[in-house]
Amino acid sequence: MAEVSQDFESTIMELLVFAGSARSSALMALQQARAGDFTGSAEHMAESKQAVKQAHRIQTQLIGMDEGCGKLAITLITVHAQDHLMNAMVIQDLADDMIELYRRQTLQEARS
């Protein structure tokens, strides 16, 4: 089996860290919204979106290195990192919608 370069492995780990951070921040935003703290929720979502932006930057860098030619080894950790990024992005989308629902519910309850 070909040896994975330390630099490549570090880049993949960095992608994993940013994706995990994005996921965690989005879930924290959802918890804050559930508790009625929409300011805190917005701050966590901003953190999540920034982390996804960083992860996406790394992903784009890796795609550029590969040039669509299979130059980079596809390892389990690479697939795992991609999976984390995609999950974080899906959670962000769902969290955005759920936070809006919590916001509407809070407004509706305040009017009642």
PDB file of N, CA and C in Angstrom:
ATOM      1  N   MET A   1       0.852  -1.188   0.000  1.00  0.00           N
ATOM      2  CA  MET A   1       0.000   0.000   0.000  1.00  0.00           C
ATOM      3  C   MET A   1       0.889   1.240   0.000  1.00  0.00           C
ATOM      4  N   ALA A   2       0.531   2.215  -0.781  1.00  0.00           N
ATOM      5  CA  ALA A   2       1.323   3.440  -0.880  1.00  0.00           C
ATOM      6  C   ALA A   2       1.264   4.215   0.419  1.00  0.00           C
ATOM      7  N   GLU A   3       2.377   4.808   0.781  1.00  0.00           N
ATOM      8  CA  GLU A   3       2.459   5.606   2.004  1.00  0.00           C
ATOM      9  C   GLU A   3       1.793   6.967   1.770  1.00  0.00           C
ATOM     10  N   VAL A   4       0.956   7.360   2.718  1.00  0.00           N
ATOM     11  CA  VAL A   4       0.281   8.654   2.634  1.00  0.00           C
ATOM     12  C   VAL A   4       1.221   9.696   3.228  1.00  0.00           C
ATOM     13  N   SER A   5       1.428  10.782   2.491  1.00  0.00           N
ATOM     14  CA  SER A   5       2.343  11.815   2.982  1.00  0.00           C
ATOM     15  C   SER A   5       1.776  12.464   4.231  1.00  0.00           C
ATOM     16  N   GLN A   6       2.671  12.839   5.122  1.00  0.00           N
ATOM     17  CA  GLN A   6       2.279  13.470   6.383  1.00  0.00           C
ATOM     18  C   GLN A   6       1.535  14.776   6.132  1.00  0.00           C
ATOM     19  N   ASP A   7       1.959  15.513   5.120  1.00  0.00           N
ATOM     20  CA  ASP A   7       1.324  16.785   4.783  1.00  0.00           C
ATOM     21  C   ASP A   7      -0.123  16.576   4.323  1.00  0.00           C
ATOM     22  N   PHE A   8      -0.322  15.576   3.482  1.00  0.00           N
ATOM     23  CA  PHE A   8      -1.662  15.256   2.994  1.00  0.00           C
ATOM     24  C   PHE A   8      -2.544  14.811   4.153  1.00  0.00           C
ATOM     25  N   GLU A   9      -2.014  13.970   5.002  1.00  0.00           N
ATOM     26  CA  GLU A   9      -2.764  13.480   6.160  1.00  0.00           C
ATOM     27  C   GLU A   9      -3.134  14.633   7.099  1.00  0.00           C
ATOM     28  N   SER A  10      -2.225  15.563   7.299  1.00  0.00           N
ATOM     29  CA  SER A  10      -2.499  16.734   8.139  1.00  0.00           C
ATOM     30  C   SER A  10      -3.600  17.590   7.534  1.00  0.00           C
ATOM     31  N   THR A  11      -3.586  17.723   6.223  1.00  0.00           N
ATOM     32  CA  THR A  11      -4.616  18.505   5.535  1.00  0.00           C
ATOM     33  C   THR A  11      -5.990  17.850   5.718  1.00  0.00           C
ATOM     34  N   ILE A  12      -6.038  16.540   5.593  1.00  0.00           N
ATOM     35  CA  ILE A  12      -7.296  15.813   5.784  1.00  0.00           C
ATOM     36  C   ILE A  12      -7.778  15.961   7.226  1.00  0.00           C
ATOM     37  N   MET A  13      -6.862  15.899   8.176  1.00  0.00           N
ATOM     38  CA  MET A  13      -7.240  16.056   9.586  1.00  0.00           C
ATOM     39  C   MET A  13      -7.770  17.462   9.843  1.00  0.00           C
ATOM     40  N   GLU A  14      -7.179  18.444   9.198  1.00  0.00           N
ATOM     41  CA  GLU A  14      -7.651  19.824   9.330  1.00  0.00           C
ATOM     42  C   GLU A  14      -9.074  19.953   8.775  1.00  0.00           C
ATOM     43  N   LEU A  15      -9.333  19.308   7.654  1.00  0.00           N
ATOM     44  CA  LEU A  15     -10.673  19.280   7.081  1.00  0.00           C
ATOM     45  C   LEU A  15     -11.654  18.651   8.062  1.00  0.00           C
ATOM     46  N   LEU A  16     -11.254  17.558   8.686  1.00  0.00           N
ATOM     47  CA  LEU A  16     -12.095  16.893   9.679  1.00  0.00           C
ATOM     48  C   LEU A  16     -12.398  17.801  10.865  1.00  0.00           C
ATOM     49  N   VAL A  17     -11.400  18.505  11.350  1.00  0.00           N
ATOM     50  CA  VAL A  17     -11.576  19.389  12.501  1.00  0.00           C
ATOM     51  C   VAL A  17     -12.558  20.511  12.169  1.00  0.00           C
ATOM     52  N   PHE A  18     -12.380  21.153  11.031  1.00  0.00           N
ATOM     53  CA  PHE A  18     -13.294  22.239  10.652  1.00  0.00           C
ATOM     54  C   PHE A  18     -14.717  21.715  10.452  1.00  0.00           C
ATOM     55  N   ALA A  19     -14.848  20.564   9.806  1.00  0.00           N
ATOM     56  CA  ALA A  19     -16.181  19.994   9.581  1.00  0.00           C
ATOM     57  C   ALA A  19     -16.844  19.634  10.911  1.00  0.00           C
ATOM     58  N   GLY A  20     -16.089  19.039  11.817  1.00  0.00           N
ATOM     59  CA  GLY A  20     -16.632  18.692  13.133  1.00  0.00           C
ATOM     60  C   GLY A  20     -17.026  19.922  13.924  1.00  0.00           C
ATOM     61  N   SER A  21     -16.230  20.946  13.832  1.00  0.00           N
ATOM     62  CA  SER A  21     -16.534  22.205  14.513  1.00  0.00           C
ATOM     63  C   SER A  21     -17.806  22.828  13.944  1.00  0.00           C
ATOM     64  N   ALA A  22     -17.951  22.779  12.632  1.00  0.00           N
ATOM     65  CA  ALA A  22     -19.146  23.319  11.978  1.00  0.00           C
ATOM     66  C   ALA A  22     -20.388  22.571  12.451  1.00  0.00           C
ATOM     67  N   ARG A  23     -20.300  21.272  12.514  1.00  0.00           N
ATOM     68  CA  ARG A  23     -21.422  20.449  12.966  1.00  0.00           C
ATOM     69  C   ARG A  23     -21.787  20.790  14.401  1.00  0.00           C
ATOM     70  N   SER A  24     -20.796  20.827  15.264  1.00  0.00           N
ATOM     71  CA  SER A  24     -21.036  21.126  16.680  1.00  0.00           C
ATOM     72  C   SER A  24     -21.647  22.509  16.869  1.00  0.00           C
ATOM     73  N   SER A  25     -21.135  23.485  16.160  1.00  0.00           N
ATOM     74  CA  SER A  25     -21.657  24.852  16.289  1.00  0.00           C
ATOM     75  C   SER A  25     -23.095  24.946  15.793  1.00  0.00           C
ATOM     76  N   ALA A  26     -23.426  24.237  14.721  1.00  0.00           N
ATOM     77  CA  ALA A  26     -24.800  24.251  14.215  1.00  0.00           C
ATOM     78  C   ALA A  26     -25.746  23.612  15.225  1.00  0.00           C
ATOM     79  N   LEU A  27     -25.311  22.530  15.844  1.00  0.00           N
ATOM     80  CA  LEU A  27     -26.152  21.883  16.856  1.00  0.00           C
ATOM     81  C   LEU A  27     -26.301  22.760  18.097  1.00  0.00           C
ATOM     82  N   MET A  28     -25.246  23.467  18.451  1.00  0.00           N
ATOM     83  CA  MET A  28     -25.342  24.413  19.574  1.00  0.00           C
ATOM     84  C   MET A  28     -26.300  25.549  19.235  1.00  0.00           C
ATOM     85  N   ALA A  29     -26.278  25.999  17.997  1.00  0.00           N
ATOM     86  CA  ALA A  29     -27.200  27.051  17.562  1.00  0.00           C
ATOM     87  C   ALA A  29     -28.637  26.581  17.704  1.00  0.00           C
ATOM     88  N   LEU A  30     -28.867  25.351  17.361  1.00  0.00           N
ATOM     89  CA  LEU A  30     -30.204  24.773  17.482  1.00  0.00           C
ATOM     90  C   LEU A  30     -30.637  24.696  18.947  1.00  0.00           C
ATOM     91  N   GLN A  31     -29.739  24.285  19.821  1.00  0.00           N
ATOM     92  CA  GLN A  31     -30.048  24.234  21.252  1.00  0.00           C
ATOM     93  C   GLN A  31     -30.352  25.618  21.809  1.00  0.00           C
ATOM     94  N   GLN A  32     -29.585  26.602  21.375  1.00  0.00           N
ATOM     95  CA  GLN A  32     -29.812  27.976  21.832  1.00  0.00           C
ATOM     96  C   GLN A  32     -31.181  28.469  21.375  1.00  0.00           C
ATOM     97  N   ALA A  33     -31.544  28.176  20.148  1.00  0.00           N
ATOM     98  CA  ALA A  33     -32.847  28.594  19.628  1.00  0.00           C
ATOM     99  C   ALA A  33     -33.972  27.903  20.385  1.00  0.00           C
ATOM    100  N   ARG A  34     -33.797  26.636  20.678  1.00  0.00           N
ATOM    101  CA  ARG A  34     -34.801  25.895  21.433  1.00  0.00           C
ATOM    102  C   ARG A  34     -35.029  26.539  22.794  1.00  0.00           C
ATOM    103  N   ALA A  35     -33.954  27.090  23.362  1.00  0.00           N
ATOM    104  CA  ALA A  35     -34.037  27.759  24.670  1.00  0.00           C
ATOM    105  C   ALA A  35     -34.510  29.208  24.544  1.00  0.00           C
ATOM    106  N   GLY A  36     -34.736  29.671  23.318  1.00  0.00           N
ATOM    107  CA  GLY A  36     -35.203  31.037  23.109  1.00  0.00           C
ATOM    108  C   GLY A  36     -34.107  32.078  23.005  1.00  0.00           C
ATOM    109  N   ASP A  37     -32.851  31.649  22.963  1.00  0.00           N
ATOM    110  CA  ASP A  37     -31.721  32.571  22.849  1.00  0.00           C
ATOM    111  C   ASP A  37     -31.323  32.692  21.380  1.00  0.00           C
ATOM    112  N   PHE A  38     -31.996  33.574  20.669  1.00  0.00           N
ATOM    113  CA  PHE A  38     -31.768  33.694  19.232  1.00  0.00           C
ATOM    114  C   PHE A  38     -30.493  34.464  18.908  1.00  0.00           C
ATOM    115  N   THR A  39     -30.033  35.303  19.823  1.00  0.00           N
ATOM    116  CA  THR A  39     -28.753  35.981  19.629  1.00  0.00           C
ATOM    117  C   THR A  39     -27.615  34.966  19.711  1.00  0.00           C
ATOM    118  N   GLY A  40     -27.652  34.145  20.746  1.00  0.00           N
ATOM    119  CA  GLY A  40     -26.645  33.084  20.889  1.00  0.00           C
ATOM    120  C   GLY A  40     -26.703  32.101  19.733  1.00  0.00           C
ATOM    121  N   SER A  41     -27.919  31.815  19.303  1.00  0.00           N
ATOM    122  CA  SER A  41     -28.109  30.905  18.187  1.00  0.00           C
ATOM    123  C   SER A  41     -27.454  31.460  16.917  1.00  0.00           C
ATOM    124  N   ALA A  42     -27.679  32.736  16.660  1.00  0.00           N
ATOM    125  CA  ALA A  42     -27.090  33.370  15.468  1.00  0.00           C
ATOM    126  C   ALA A  42     -25.564  33.356  15.535  1.00  0.00           C
ATOM    127  N   GLU A  43     -25.016  33.559  16.729  1.00  0.00           N
ATOM    128  CA  GLU A  43     -23.556  33.537  16.886  1.00  0.00           C
ATOM    129  C   GLU A  43     -23.004  32.149  16.581  1.00  0.00           C
ATOM    130  N   HIS A  44     -23.670  31.117  17.081  1.00  0.00           N
ATOM    131  CA  HIS A  44     -23.214  29.751  16.815  1.00  0.00           C
ATOM    132  C   HIS A  44     -23.342  29.398  15.335  1.00  0.00           C
ATOM    133  N   MET A  45     -24.418  29.857  14.696  1.00  0.00           N
ATOM    134  CA  MET A  45     -24.560  29.574  13.266  1.00  0.00           C
ATOM    135  C   MET A  45     -23.488  30.300  12.461  1.00  0.00           C
ATOM    136  N   ALA A  46     -23.142  31.503  12.868  1.00  0.00           N
ATOM    137  CA  ALA A  46     -22.069  32.225  12.181  1.00  0.00           C
ATOM    138  C   ALA A  46     -20.748  31.463  12.319  1.00  0.00           C
ATOM    139  N   GLU A  47     -20.484  30.934  13.509  1.00  0.00           N
ATOM    140  CA  GLU A  47     -19.274  30.121  13.725  1.00  0.00           C
ATOM    141  C   GLU A  47     -19.308  28.879  12.836  1.00  0.00           C
ATOM    142  N   SER A  48     -20.472  28.246  12.769  1.00  0.00           N
ATOM    143  CA  SER A  48     -20.622  27.049  11.952  1.00  0.00           C
ATOM    144  C   SER A  48     -20.354  27.354  10.478  1.00  0.00           C
ATOM    145  N   LYS A  49     -20.909  28.434  10.016  1.00  0.00           N
ATOM    146  CA  LYS A  49     -20.736  28.788   8.602  1.00  0.00           C
ATOM    147  C   LYS A  49     -19.287  29.160   8.284  1.00  0.00           C
ATOM    148  N   GLN A  50     -18.619  29.788   9.232  1.00  0.00           N
ATOM    149  CA  GLN A  50     -17.209  30.115   9.040  1.00  0.00           C
ATOM    150  C   GLN A  50     -16.373  28.837   8.981  1.00  0.00           C
ATOM    151  N   ALA A  51     -16.681  27.877   9.845  1.00  0.00           N
ATOM    152  CA  ALA A  51     -15.947  26.609   9.847  1.00  0.00           C
ATOM    153  C   ALA A  51     -16.175  25.842   8.545  1.00  0.00           C
ATOM    154  N   VAL A  52     -17.402  25.850   8.033  1.00  0.00           N
ATOM    155  CA  VAL A  52     -17.671  25.194   6.749  1.00  0.00           C
ATOM    156  C   VAL A  52     -16.915  25.895   5.633  1.00  0.00           C
ATOM    157  N   LYS A  53     -16.848  27.211   5.708  1.00  0.00           N
ATOM    158  CA  LYS A  53     -16.104  27.954   4.692  1.00  0.00           C
ATOM    159  C   LYS A  53     -14.628  27.520   4.697  1.00  0.00           C
ATOM    160  N   GLN A  54     -14.054  27.362   5.881  1.00  0.00           N
ATOM    161  CA  GLN A  54     -12.653  26.917   5.993  1.00  0.00           C
ATOM    162  C   GLN A  54     -12.498  25.482   5.475  1.00  0.00           C
ATOM    163  N   ALA A  55     -13.441  24.623   5.852  1.00  0.00           N
ATOM    164  CA  ALA A  55     -13.386  23.231   5.389  1.00  0.00           C
ATOM    165  C   ALA A  55     -13.532  23.175   3.869  1.00  0.00           C
ATOM    166  N   HIS A  56     -14.418  23.985   3.336  1.00  0.00           N
ATOM    167  CA  HIS A  56     -14.625  24.006   1.889  1.00  0.00           C
ATOM    168  C   HIS A  56     -13.376  24.510   1.165  1.00  0.00           C
ATOM    169  N   ARG A  57     -12.679  25.464   1.778  1.00  0.00           N
ATOM    170  CA  ARG A  57     -11.420  25.953   1.206  1.00  0.00           C
ATOM    171  C   ARG A  57     -10.416  24.809   1.092  1.00  0.00           C
ATOM    172  N   ILE A  58     -10.328  23.995   2.133  1.00  0.00           N
ATOM    173  CA  ILE A  58      -9.410  22.850   2.121  1.00  0.00           C
ATOM    174  C   ILE A  58      -9.856  21.833   1.076  1.00  0.00           C
ATOM    175  N   GLN A  59     -11.163  21.579   1.024  1.00  0.00           N
ATOM    176  CA  GLN A  59     -11.699  20.639   0.048  1.00  0.00           C
ATOM    177  C   GLN A  59     -11.360  21.096  -1.371  1.00  0.00           C
ATOM    178  N   THR A  60     -11.530  22.366  -1.645  1.00  0.00           N
ATOM    179  CA  THR A  60     -11.218  22.919  -2.967  1.00  0.00           C
ATOM    180  C   THR A  60      -9.734  22.768  -3.282  1.00  0.00           C
ATOM    181  N   GLN A  61      -8.907  22.999  -2.278  1.00  0.00           N
ATOM    182  CA  GLN A  61      -7.457  22.823  -2.436  1.00  0.00           C
ATOM    183  C   GLN A  61      -7.142  21.365  -2.808  1.00  0.00           C
ATOM    184  N   LEU A  62      -7.770  20.426  -2.123  1.00  0.00           N
ATOM    185  CA  LEU A  62      -7.531  19.008  -2.413  1.00  0.00           C
ATOM    186  C   LEU A  62      -8.024  18.636  -3.807  1.00  0.00           C
ATOM    187  N   ILE A  63      -9.167  19.155  -4.197  1.00  0.00           N
ATOM    188  CA  ILE A  63      -9.692  18.881  -5.541  1.00  0.00           C
ATOM    189  C   ILE A  63      -8.724  19.422  -6.587  1.00  0.00           C
ATOM    190  N   GLY A  64      -8.181  20.601  -6.332  1.00  0.00           N
ATOM    191  CA  GLY A  64      -7.205  21.173  -7.252  1.00  0.00           C
ATOM    192  C   GLY A  64      -5.942  20.338  -7.349  1.00  0.00           C
ATOM    193  N   MET A  65      -5.506  19.794  -6.219  1.00  0.00           N
ATOM    194  CA  MET A  65      -4.313  18.942  -6.229  1.00  0.00           C
ATOM    195  C   MET A  65      -4.567  17.660  -7.025  1.00  0.00           C
ATOM    196  N   ASP A  66      -5.773  17.145  -6.932  1.00  0.00           N
ATOM    197  CA  ASP A  66      -6.120  15.900  -7.610  1.00  0.00           C
ATOM    198  C   ASP A  66      -6.338  16.119  -9.104  1.00  0.00           C
ATOM    199  N   GLU A  67      -6.805  17.306  -9.476  1.00  0.00           N
ATOM    200  CA  GLU A  67      -7.072  17.676 -10.864  1.00  0.00           C
ATOM    201  C   GLU A  67      -8.023  16.709 -11.563  1.00  0.00           C
ATOM    202  N   GLY A  68      -8.857  16.020 -10.782  1.00  0.00           N
ATOM    203  CA  GLY A  68      -9.814  15.090 -11.371  1.00  0.00           C
ATOM    204  C   GLY A  68      -9.178  13.886 -12.038  1.00  0.00           C
ATOM    205  N   CYS A  69      -7.905  13.659 -11.723  1.00  0.00           N
ATOM    206  CA  CYS A  69      -7.161  12.582 -12.390  1.00  0.00           C
ATOM    207  C   CYS A  69      -6.800  11.432 -11.468  1.00  0.00           C
ATOM    208  N   GLY A  70      -7.273  11.474 -10.243  1.00  0.00           N
ATOM    209  CA  GLY A  70      -6.942  10.403  -9.315  1.00  0.00           C
ATOM    210  C   GLY A  70      -5.514  10.473  -8.797  1.00  0.00           C
ATOM    211  N   LYS A  71      -4.957  11.685  -8.740  1.00  0.00           N
ATOM    212  CA  LYS A  71      -3.582  11.852  -8.263  1.00  0.00           C
ATOM    213  C   LYS A  71      -3.460  11.633  -6.761  1.00  0.00           C
ATOM    214  N   LEU A  72      -4.554  11.860  -6.023  1.00  0.00           N
ATOM    215  CA  LEU A  72      -4.528  11.695  -4.579  1.00  0.00           C
ATOM    216  C   LEU A  72      -5.120  10.347  -4.196  1.00  0.00           C
ATOM    217  N   ALA A  73      -4.508   9.750  -3.206  1.00  0.00           N
ATOM    218  CA  ALA A  73      -5.006   8.464  -2.723  1.00  0.00           C
ATOM    219  C   ALA A  73      -6.333   8.670  -1.994  1.00  0.00           C
ATOM    220  N   ILE A  74      -7.287   7.823  -2.302  1.00  0.00           N
ATOM    221  CA  ILE A  74      -8.556   7.861  -1.594  1.00  0.00           C
ATOM    222  C   ILE A  74      -8.424   6.883  -0.427  1.00  0.00           C
ATOM    223  N   THR A  75      -8.365   7.445   0.767  1.00  0.00           N
ATOM    224  CA  THR A  75      -8.231   6.626   1.968  1.00  0.00           C
ATOM    225  C   THR A  75      -9.522   6.691   2.764  1.00  0.00           C
ATOM    226  N   LEU A  76      -9.636   5.825   3.724  1.00  0.00           N
ATOM    227  CA  LEU A  76     -10.819   5.830   4.577  1.00  0.00           C
ATOM    228  C   LEU A  76     -10.949   7.163   5.311  1.00  0.00           C
ATOM    229  N   ILE A  77      -9.841   7.739   5.745  1.00  0.00           N
ATOM    230  CA  ILE A  77      -9.891   9.015   6.464  1.00  0.00           C
ATOM    231  C   ILE A  77     -10.335  10.144   5.529  1.00  0.00           C
ATOM    232  N   THR A  78      -9.971  10.063   4.252  1.00  0.00           N
ATOM    233  CA  THR A  78     -10.410  11.066   3.280  1.00  0.00           C
ATOM    234  C   THR A  78     -11.926  10.996   3.101  1.00  0.00           C
ATOM    235  N   VAL A  79     -12.439   9.798   2.947  1.00  0.00           N
ATOM    236  CA  VAL A  79     -13.883   9.606   2.804  1.00  0.00           C
ATOM    237  C   VAL A  79     -14.585  10.055   4.079  1.00  0.00           C
ATOM    238  N   HIS A  80     -14.009   9.729   5.213  1.00  0.00           N
ATOM    239  CA  HIS A  80     -14.575  10.114   6.507  1.00  0.00           C
ATOM    240  C   HIS A  80     -14.650  11.638   6.630  1.00  0.00           C
ATOM    241  N   ALA A  81     -13.608  12.315   6.223  1.00  0.00           N
ATOM    242  CA  ALA A  81     -13.584  13.785   6.283  1.00  0.00           C
ATOM    243  C   ALA A  81     -14.651  14.373   5.370  1.00  0.00           C
ATOM    244  N   GLN A  82     -14.784  13.848   4.172  1.00  0.00           N
ATOM    245  CA  GLN A  82     -15.812  14.319   3.247  1.00  0.00           C
ATOM    246  C   GLN A  82     -17.206  14.087   3.826  1.00  0.00           C
ATOM    247  N   ASP A  83     -17.386  12.938   4.450  1.00  0.00           N
ATOM    248  CA  ASP A  83     -18.665  12.604   5.075  1.00  0.00           C
ATOM    249  C   ASP A  83     -18.998  13.608   6.174  1.00  0.00           C
ATOM    250  N   HIS A  84     -18.015  13.941   6.995  1.00  0.00           N
ATOM    251  CA  HIS A  84     -18.222  14.928   8.060  1.00  0.00           C
ATOM    252  C   HIS A  84     -18.609  16.288   7.484  1.00  0.00           C
ATOM    253  N   LEU A  85     -17.952  16.695   6.432  1.00  0.00           N
ATOM    254  CA  LEU A  85     -18.258  17.988   5.823  1.00  0.00           C
ATOM    255  C   LEU A  85     -19.683  18.009   5.278  1.00  0.00           C
ATOM    256  N   MET A  86     -20.055  16.975   4.558  1.00  0.00           N
ATOM    257  CA  MET A  86     -21.403  16.933   3.994  1.00  0.00           C
ATOM    258  C   MET A  86     -22.459  16.893   5.104  1.00  0.00           C
ATOM    259  N   ASN A  87     -22.207  16.137   6.159  1.00  0.00           N
ATOM    260  CA  ASN A  87     -23.145  16.104   7.287  1.00  0.00           C
ATOM    261  C   ASN A  87     -23.269  17.471   7.938  1.00  0.00           C
ATOM    262  N   ALA A  88     -22.156  18.146   8.112  1.00  0.00           N
ATOM    263  CA  ALA A  88     -22.191  19.489   8.717  1.00  0.00           C
ATOM    264  C   ALA A  88     -23.028  20.437   7.872  1.00  0.00           C
ATOM    265  N   MET A  89     -22.890  20.341   6.554  1.00  0.00           N
ATOM    266  CA  MET A  89     -23.641  21.230   5.669  1.00  0.00           C
ATOM    267  C   MET A  89     -25.143  20.923   5.711  1.00  0.00           C
ATOM    268  N   VAL A  90     -25.487  19.643   5.782  1.00  0.00           N
ATOM    269  CA  VAL A  90     -26.900  19.263   5.884  1.00  0.00           C
ATOM    270  C   VAL A  90     -27.471  19.723   7.219  1.00  0.00           C
ATOM    271  N   ILE A  91     -26.723  19.533   8.286  1.00  0.00           N
ATOM    272  CA  ILE A  91     -27.179  19.965   9.608  1.00  0.00           C
ATOM    273  C   ILE A  91     -27.376  21.478   9.629  1.00  0.00           C
ATOM    274  N   GLN A  92     -26.477  22.219   8.994  1.00  0.00           N
ATOM    275  CA  GLN A  92     -26.643  23.676   8.908  1.00  0.00           C
ATOM    276  C   GLN A  92     -27.957  24.039   8.231  1.00  0.00           C
ATOM    277  N   ASP A  93     -28.228  23.407   7.109  1.00  0.00           N
ATOM    278  CA  ASP A  93     -29.462  23.709   6.379  1.00  0.00           C
ATOM    279  C   ASP A  93     -30.690  23.420   7.230  1.00  0.00           C
ATOM    280  N   LEU A  94     -30.701  22.271   7.867  1.00  0.00           N
ATOM    281  CA  LEU A  94     -31.841  21.914   8.712  1.00  0.00           C
ATOM    282  C   LEU A  94     -31.931  22.820   9.936  1.00  0.00           C
ATOM    283  N   ALA A  95     -30.782  23.140  10.522  1.00  0.00           N
ATOM    284  CA  ALA A  95     -30.773  24.020  11.697  1.00  0.00           C
ATOM    285  C   ALA A  95     -31.314  25.396  11.347  1.00  0.00           C
ATOM    286  N   ASP A  96     -30.936  25.924  10.186  1.00  0.00           N
ATOM    287  CA  ASP A  96     -31.468  27.225   9.757  1.00  0.00           C
ATOM    288  C   ASP A  96     -32.994  27.205   9.733  1.00  0.00           C
ATOM    289  N   ASP A  97     -33.557  26.163   9.145  1.00  0.00           N
ATOM    290  CA  ASP A  97     -35.017  26.063   9.064  1.00  0.00           C
ATOM    291  C   ASP A  97     -35.652  25.871  10.436  1.00  0.00           C
ATOM    292  N   MET A  98     -35.052  25.030  11.254  1.00  0.00           N
ATOM    293  CA  MET A  98     -35.622  24.777  12.580  1.00  0.00           C
ATOM    294  C   MET A  98     -35.522  26.009  13.476  1.00  0.00           C
ATOM    295  N   ILE A  99     -34.432  26.741  13.359  1.00  0.00           N
ATOM    296  CA  ILE A  99     -34.279  27.975  14.147  1.00  0.00           C
ATOM    297  C   ILE A  99     -35.364  28.966  13.754  1.00  0.00           C
ATOM    298  N   GLU A 100     -35.642  29.051  12.461  1.00  0.00           N
ATOM    299  CA  GLU A 100     -36.714  29.939  12.014  1.00  0.00           C
ATOM    300  C   GLU A 100     -38.064  29.491  12.581  1.00  0.00           C
ATOM    301  N   LEU A 101     -38.290  28.198  12.632  1.00  0.00           N
ATOM    302  CA  LEU A 101     -39.538  27.693  13.222  1.00  0.00           C
ATOM    303  C   LEU A 101     -39.623  28.036  14.707  1.00  0.00           C
ATOM    304  N   TYR A 102     -38.521  27.873  15.434  1.00  0.00           N
ATOM    305  CA  TYR A 102     -38.501  28.252  16.857  1.00  0.00           C
ATOM    306  C   TYR A 102     -38.781  29.750  17.013  1.00  0.00           C
ATOM    307  N   ARG A 103     -38.200  30.540  16.136  1.00  0.00           N
ATOM    308  CA  ARG A 103     -38.401  31.994  16.188  1.00  0.00           C
ATOM    309  C   ARG A 103     -39.887  32.331  15.975  1.00  0.00           C
ATOM    310  N   ARG A 104     -40.493  31.715  14.973  1.00  0.00           N
ATOM    311  CA  ARG A 104     -41.906  31.956  14.692  1.00  0.00           C
ATOM    312  C   ARG A 104     -42.796  31.496  15.850  1.00  0.00           C
ATOM    313  N   GLN A 105     -42.446  30.347  16.406  1.00  0.00           N
ATOM    314  CA  GLN A 105     -43.215  29.823  17.544  1.00  0.00           C
ATOM    315  C   GLN A 105     -43.131  30.788  18.725  1.00  0.00           C
ATOM    316  N   THR A 106     -41.945  31.312  18.999  1.00  0.00           N
ATOM    317  CA  THR A 106     -41.753  32.248  20.100  1.00  0.00           C
ATOM    318  C   THR A 106     -42.565  33.522  19.871  1.00  0.00           C
ATOM    319  N   LEU A 107     -42.535  34.030  18.641  1.00  0.00           N
ATOM    320  CA  LEU A 107     -43.324  35.213  18.311  1.00  0.00           C
ATOM    321  C   LEU A 107     -44.817  34.949  18.452  1.00  0.00           C
ATOM    322  N   GLN A 108     -45.252  33.791  17.999  1.00  0.00           N
ATOM    323  CA  GLN A 108     -46.659  33.435  18.093  1.00  0.00           C
ATOM    324  C   GLN A 108     -47.094  33.336  19.560  1.00  0.00           C
ATOM    325  N   GLU A 109     -46.246  32.725  20.386  1.00  0.00           N
ATOM    326  CA  GLU A 109     -46.568  32.597  21.810  1.00  0.00           C
ATOM    327  C   GLU A 109     -46.609  33.960  22.497  1.00  0.00           C
ATOM    328  N   ALA A 110     -45.746  34.865  22.061  1.00  0.00           N
ATOM    329  CA  ALA A 110     -45.707  36.217  22.650  1.00  0.00           C
ATOM    330  C   ALA A 110     -46.974  36.996  22.296  1.00  0.00           C
ATOM    331  N   ARG A 111     -47.549  36.714  21.126  1.00  0.00           N
ATOM    332  CA  ARG A 111     -48.763  37.412  20.692  1.00  0.00           C
ATOM    333  C   ARG A 111     -50.011  36.868  21.393  1.00  0.00           C
ATOM    334  N   SER A 112     -49.932  35.628  21.861  1.00  0.00           N
ATOM    335  CA  SER A 112     -51.098  34.993  22.482  1.00  0.00           C
ATOM    336  C   SER A 112     -51.343  35.451  23.889  1.00  0.00           C
TER     337      SER A 112
END
